[in-house]
Every structure is written in structure tokens, then in C-alpha cells.
Amino acid sequence: DYWEAAPLLRQAISEYHPHRHNQAIAHWMLGCVLWQPQTTDQREGAIIEWNRSIEIFANLREINRINQEQANWYGQRLIEMNESVQQAIAFYGFP
């Protein structure tokens, strides 16, 4: 339910350490929740949340360059995340 999930995810984002994996996931999930009602303002908010998540993952990929396995994992997720955002925009249109 949007009305229950969105406030809980916003609270989680504010309580998690900035720019960490769990905060990125909460941003991504909030984007998914915001996308569902499909109002223009909420879809714009969804894209903003997804981009925040992508930015955090890109930073985590760079931080983890010393651990190639983790860097590759973040790199693969970034490809999937970017593709997902583009597909959502292509299917529903840019708000």
C-alpha cells in the first residue's frame, strides 16, 4: 500500500547511514512505490529516487575497486538498474 510504504521507506532512508548499500536499496524501493500511482509528480519523484540509488551504487562500485568481485557486482547491478529506469520511462513515458 502506497500510503503505508512511502513514509516507512522515507524514514528508513533518513535513518540509514548516507551513501550506503541499504540506503540505496531503500531509495530504489521508494522509487518503485512512487511509480505505482502513476501521477506525474509521483513518477518524477520515482525517477529522482531511482537516480539517487544509482548514484550511491556507482560510488560503492568505485569505493570497492580494490575488491574486484564486489566492484563487478555493483557494475552489473548498475547496468540492470539503468535498463530498468529506461524501460519504465519508455513504457509509461517521461512525466
Protein backbone atom coordinates (compact mmCIF):
# COMPACT_ATOMS: atom_id res chain seq x y z
CA ASP A 1 0.00 0.00 0.00
CA TYR A 2 1.46 3.32 -1.12
CA TRP A 3 0.20 5.33 1.87
CA GLU A 4 1.88 2.96 4.29
CA ALA A 5 5.06 2.08 2.38
CA ALA A 6 6.22 5.54 1.27
CA PRO A 7 6.50 7.06 4.78
CA LEU A 8 8.24 3.94 6.10
CA LEU A 9 10.80 3.99 3.30
CA ARG A 10 11.42 7.72 3.76
CA GLN A 11 12.02 7.08 7.45
CA ALA A 12 14.44 4.25 6.64
CA ILE A 13 16.35 6.48 4.20
CA SER A 14 16.74 9.17 6.85
CA GLU A 15 17.92 6.67 9.47
CA TYR A 16 20.40 4.72 7.35
CA HIS A 17 23.97 5.92 7.02
CA PRO A 18 24.26 8.14 3.95
CA HIS A 19 25.58 6.65 0.73
CA ARG A 20 25.50 3.07 1.94
CA HIS A 21 24.09 -0.03 0.28
CA ASN A 22 20.98 -0.24 2.46
CA GLN A 23 20.13 3.41 1.84
CA ALA A 24 20.47 2.86 -1.92
CA ILE A 25 18.07 -0.07 -1.72
CA ALA A 26 15.55 1.99 0.24
CA HIS A 27 15.77 4.76 -2.40
CA TRP A 28 15.16 2.18 -5.14
CA MET A 29 12.20 0.68 -3.30
CA LEU A 30 10.71 4.14 -2.67
CA GLY A 31 11.03 4.83 -6.39
CA CYS A 32 9.07 1.66 -7.12
CA VAL A 33 6.36 2.67 -4.65
CA LEU A 34 6.14 6.20 -6.06
CA TRP A 35 5.87 4.89 -9.61
CA GLN A 36 2.75 2.84 -8.86
CA PRO A 37 0.11 5.61 -8.51
CA GLN A 38 1.35 6.98 -11.84
CA THR A 39 0.66 10.63 -11.17
CA THR A 40 3.13 12.97 -12.83
CA ASP A 41 4.57 14.29 -9.56
CA GLN A 42 4.98 10.84 -8.11
CA ARG A 43 6.59 9.44 -11.26
CA GLU A 44 9.05 12.33 -11.25
CA GLY A 45 9.77 11.51 -7.61
CA ALA A 46 10.28 7.87 -8.55
CA ILE A 47 12.90 8.77 -11.15
CA ILE A 48 14.67 11.01 -8.64
CA GLU A 49 14.76 8.18 -6.08
CA TRP A 50 15.99 5.67 -8.66
CA ASN A 51 18.74 8.08 -9.71
CA ARG A 52 19.80 8.54 -6.09
CA SER A 53 20.07 4.79 -5.76
CA ILE A 54 22.09 4.56 -8.98
CA GLU A 55 24.44 7.32 -7.79
CA ILE A 56 25.07 5.51 -4.49
CA PHE A 57 25.74 2.22 -6.29
CA ALA A 58 28.15 3.97 -8.70
CA ASN A 59 30.00 5.40 -5.71
CA LEU A 60 30.07 1.99 -4.00
CA ARG A 61 31.48 0.43 -7.17
CA GLU A 62 34.31 2.97 -7.13
CA ILE A 63 34.98 2.54 -3.42
CA ASN A 64 35.17 -1.24 -3.86
CA ARG A 65 37.63 -1.20 -6.79
CA ILE A 66 40.15 -2.99 -4.60
CA ASN A 67 37.70 -5.90 -4.31
CA GLN A 68 37.09 -6.72 -7.97
CA GLU A 69 34.28 -9.16 -7.22
CA GLN A 70 32.28 -6.50 -5.34
CA ALA A 71 33.08 -3.85 -7.93
CA ASN A 72 31.84 -6.18 -10.68
CA TRP A 73 28.69 -6.94 -8.70
CA TYR A 74 27.88 -3.23 -8.35
CA GLY A 75 28.73 -2.69 -12.01
CA GLN A 76 26.28 -5.39 -13.09
CA ARG A 77 23.54 -4.02 -10.84
CA LEU A 78 24.12 -0.55 -12.29
CA ILE A 79 23.55 -1.89 -15.80
CA GLU A 80 20.33 -3.58 -14.68
CA MET A 81 19.12 -0.52 -12.77
CA ASN A 82 19.74 1.86 -15.65
CA GLU A 83 17.98 -0.50 -18.04
CA SER A 84 15.01 -0.76 -15.69
CA VAL A 85 14.63 3.01 -15.43
CA GLN A 86 14.85 3.38 -19.20
CA GLN A 87 12.26 0.63 -19.71
CA ALA A 88 9.86 2.23 -17.24
CA ILE A 89 10.20 5.59 -18.97
CA ALA A 90 9.84 4.04 -22.42
CA PHE A 91 6.73 2.09 -21.44
CA TYR A 92 4.94 4.77 -19.42
CA GLY A 93 6.52 7.88 -20.88
CA PHE A 94 8.58 10.52 -19.16
CA PRO A 95 6.43 12.53 -16.75
